[in-house]
């Protein structure tokens, strides 16, 4: 019989934002700190841009691990 482990609820939880707009966080990161977060599969990019993102990621961080 599995008994659920009670979770500790932090009193700071009420200060955490309830909804997260990831695109807004990415935009703010770019505008404030020039940090770009982009998926290789982002549909807003054309084939050449997606390929560039893939190659840049592989150059900086290595190829994807399988398995």
N, C-alpha and C. Protein backbone atom coordinates (compact mmCIF):
# COMPACT_ATOMS: atom_id res chain seq x y z
N UNK A 1 0.84 -1.18 0.00
CA UNK A 1 0.00 0.00 0.00
C UNK A 1 0.88 1.24 0.00
N UNK A 2 0.62 2.12 -0.94
CA UNK A 2 1.39 3.35 -1.02
C UNK A 2 0.70 4.45 -0.22
N UNK A 3 1.47 5.03 0.66
CA UNK A 3 0.95 6.15 1.45
C UNK A 3 1.64 7.41 0.95
N UNK A 4 0.86 8.40 0.54
CA UNK A 4 1.49 9.62 0.01
C UNK A 4 2.30 10.33 1.08
N UNK A 5 3.45 10.80 0.68
CA UNK A 5 4.32 11.55 1.59
C UNK A 5 3.78 12.96 1.68
N UNK A 6 3.53 13.43 2.91
CA UNK A 6 3.03 14.80 3.03
C UNK A 6 4.09 15.79 2.57
N UNK A 7 3.66 16.79 1.81
CA UNK A 7 4.58 17.80 1.32
C UNK A 7 4.60 18.98 2.27
N UNK A 8 5.78 19.50 2.48
CA UNK A 8 5.92 20.68 3.31
C UNK A 8 5.58 21.91 2.47
N UNK A 9 4.65 22.68 2.93
CA UNK A 9 4.26 23.90 2.22
C UNK A 9 5.02 25.08 2.83
N UNK A 10 5.86 25.69 2.01
CA UNK A 10 6.66 26.80 2.46
C UNK A 10 5.79 28.03 2.69
N UNK A 11 6.03 28.76 3.76
CA UNK A 11 5.28 30.00 3.97
C UNK A 11 5.59 31.06 2.91
N UNK A 12 6.67 30.86 2.14
CA UNK A 12 7.00 31.80 1.08
C UNK A 12 6.22 31.52 -0.19
N UNK A 13 5.51 30.41 -0.25
CA UNK A 13 4.77 30.03 -1.45
C UNK A 13 3.75 31.07 -1.88
N UNK A 14 3.18 31.76 -0.93
CA UNK A 14 2.16 32.75 -1.29
C UNK A 14 2.75 33.95 -2.03
N UNK A 15 4.06 34.13 -1.95
CA UNK A 15 4.71 35.24 -2.64
C UNK A 15 5.14 34.88 -4.06
N UNK A 16 5.06 33.61 -4.39
CA UNK A 16 5.47 33.16 -5.72
C UNK A 16 4.35 33.43 -6.72
N UNK A 17 4.74 33.86 -7.90
CA UNK A 17 3.75 34.13 -8.94
C UNK A 17 3.01 32.84 -9.29
N UNK A 18 1.72 32.93 -9.47
CA UNK A 18 0.90 31.76 -9.74
C UNK A 18 0.95 31.35 -11.21
N UNK A 19 1.01 32.31 -12.09
CA UNK A 19 1.08 32.00 -13.51
C UNK A 19 2.42 32.50 -14.04
N UNK A 20 2.99 31.72 -14.93
CA UNK A 20 4.29 32.07 -15.49
C UNK A 20 4.15 32.23 -17.00
N UNK A 21 4.44 33.41 -17.47
CA UNK A 21 4.45 33.67 -18.91
C UNK A 21 5.89 33.53 -19.39
N UNK A 22 6.22 32.36 -19.91
CA UNK A 22 7.60 32.07 -20.31
C UNK A 22 8.10 33.01 -21.39
N UNK A 23 7.24 33.35 -22.33
CA UNK A 23 7.67 34.27 -23.39
C UNK A 23 8.03 35.64 -22.81
N UNK A 24 7.29 36.10 -21.80
CA UNK A 24 7.60 37.38 -21.18
C UNK A 24 8.93 37.31 -20.44
N UNK A 25 9.22 36.17 -19.80
CA UNK A 25 10.49 36.00 -19.11
C UNK A 25 11.64 36.00 -20.11
N UNK A 26 11.45 35.30 -21.24
CA UNK A 26 12.48 35.28 -22.28
C UNK A 26 12.73 36.68 -22.83
N UNK A 27 11.64 37.41 -23.07
CA UNK A 27 11.76 38.77 -23.61
C UNK A 27 12.50 39.68 -22.63
N UNK A 28 12.15 39.58 -21.36
CA UNK A 28 12.81 40.39 -20.34
C UNK A 28 14.29 40.03 -20.22
N UNK A 29 14.60 38.74 -20.30
CA UNK A 29 15.99 38.30 -20.24
C UNK A 29 16.81 38.85 -21.39
N UNK A 30 16.21 38.90 -22.57
CA UNK A 30 16.92 39.44 -23.73
C UNK A 30 17.12 40.95 -23.58
N UNK A 31 16.05 41.65 -23.22
CA UNK A 31 16.12 43.11 -23.16
C UNK A 31 17.01 43.60 -22.02
N UNK A 32 16.99 42.90 -20.89
CA UNK A 32 17.77 43.37 -19.74
C UNK A 32 19.20 42.86 -19.73
N UNK A 33 19.40 41.58 -20.12
CA UNK A 33 20.72 40.97 -19.95
C UNK A 33 21.30 40.39 -21.24
N UNK A 34 20.60 40.54 -22.34
CA UNK A 34 21.02 40.01 -23.64
C UNK A 34 21.25 38.51 -23.59
N UNK A 35 20.35 37.82 -22.88
CA UNK A 35 20.35 36.36 -22.84
C UNK A 35 19.23 35.89 -23.75
N UNK A 36 19.57 35.06 -24.71
CA UNK A 36 18.59 34.58 -25.68
C UNK A 36 18.27 33.11 -25.39
N UNK A 37 16.99 32.82 -25.25
CA UNK A 37 16.53 31.45 -25.06
C UNK A 37 15.62 31.14 -26.24
N UNK A 38 16.04 30.18 -27.06
CA UNK A 38 15.26 29.84 -28.25
C UNK A 38 15.33 28.34 -28.48
N UNK A 39 14.22 27.75 -28.85
CA UNK A 39 14.17 26.33 -29.16
C UNK A 39 14.53 26.11 -30.62
N UNK A 40 15.23 25.04 -30.86
CA UNK A 40 15.57 24.66 -32.23
C UNK A 40 14.31 24.37 -33.04
N UNK A 41 13.21 24.06 -32.36
CA UNK A 41 11.96 23.71 -33.03
C UNK A 41 10.95 24.86 -33.04
N UNK A 42 11.39 26.07 -32.73
CA UNK A 42 10.48 27.21 -32.71
C UNK A 42 9.91 27.45 -34.11
N UNK A 43 8.60 27.40 -34.22
CA UNK A 43 7.93 27.53 -35.52
C UNK A 43 8.02 28.93 -36.10
N UNK A 44 8.43 29.91 -35.31
CA UNK A 44 8.58 31.27 -35.82
C UNK A 44 9.85 31.43 -36.65
N UNK A 45 10.74 30.44 -36.56
CA UNK A 45 12.00 30.49 -37.31
C UNK A 45 11.86 29.72 -38.61
N UNK A 46 12.56 30.17 -39.63
CA UNK A 46 12.57 29.41 -40.87
C UNK A 46 13.64 28.31 -40.78
N UNK A 47 13.76 27.51 -41.82
CA UNK A 47 14.67 26.37 -41.80
C UNK A 47 16.11 26.79 -41.53
N UNK A 48 16.56 27.83 -42.18
CA UNK A 48 17.96 28.28 -42.04
C UNK A 48 18.22 28.76 -40.61
N UNK A 49 17.28 29.50 -40.04
CA UNK A 49 17.44 29.98 -38.66
C UNK A 49 17.46 28.81 -37.66
N UNK A 50 16.56 27.83 -37.86
CA UNK A 50 16.54 26.66 -36.97
C UNK A 50 17.84 25.87 -37.07
N UNK A 51 18.35 25.74 -38.28
CA UNK A 51 19.62 25.03 -38.48
C UNK A 51 20.76 25.78 -37.81
N UNK A 52 20.76 27.11 -37.90
CA UNK A 52 21.77 27.91 -37.24
C UNK A 52 21.72 27.72 -35.72
N UNK A 53 20.52 27.73 -35.16
CA UNK A 53 20.36 27.52 -33.72
C UNK A 53 20.89 26.15 -33.32
N UNK A 54 20.57 25.12 -34.11
CA UNK A 54 21.04 23.76 -33.82
C UNK A 54 22.57 23.70 -33.85
N UNK A 55 23.16 24.28 -34.89
CA UNK A 55 24.62 24.24 -35.02
C UNK A 55 25.30 25.04 -33.90
N UNK A 56 24.73 26.16 -33.54
CA UNK A 56 25.29 26.97 -32.46
C UNK A 56 25.22 26.21 -31.13
N UNK A 57 24.08 25.58 -30.88
CA UNK A 57 23.94 24.79 -29.66
C UNK A 57 24.93 23.65 -29.60
N UNK A 58 25.12 22.96 -30.71
CA UNK A 58 26.08 21.85 -30.75
C UNK A 58 27.51 22.36 -30.56
N UNK A 59 27.81 23.51 -31.13
CA UNK A 59 29.16 24.06 -30.99
C UNK A 59 29.45 24.43 -29.54
N UNK A 60 28.47 25.05 -28.88
CA UNK A 60 28.68 25.52 -27.52
C UNK A 60 28.54 24.40 -26.48
N UNK A 61 27.60 23.47 -26.70
CA UNK A 61 27.25 22.50 -25.66
C UNK A 61 27.37 21.05 -26.07
N UNK A 62 27.76 20.77 -27.31
CA UNK A 62 27.90 19.41 -27.77
C UNK A 62 26.61 18.87 -28.37
N UNK A 63 26.71 17.71 -28.97
CA UNK A 63 25.53 17.09 -29.59
C UNK A 63 24.54 16.60 -28.55
N UNK A 64 23.30 16.39 -28.98
CA UNK A 64 22.27 15.85 -28.10
C UNK A 64 22.67 14.46 -27.64
N UNK A 65 22.33 14.15 -26.40
CA UNK A 65 22.56 12.80 -25.89
C UNK A 65 21.32 11.97 -26.15
N UNK A 66 21.51 10.77 -26.65
CA UNK A 66 20.37 9.87 -26.90
C UNK A 66 20.42 8.76 -25.87
N UNK A 67 19.26 8.51 -25.25
CA UNK A 67 19.17 7.40 -24.30
C UNK A 67 19.44 7.73 -22.93
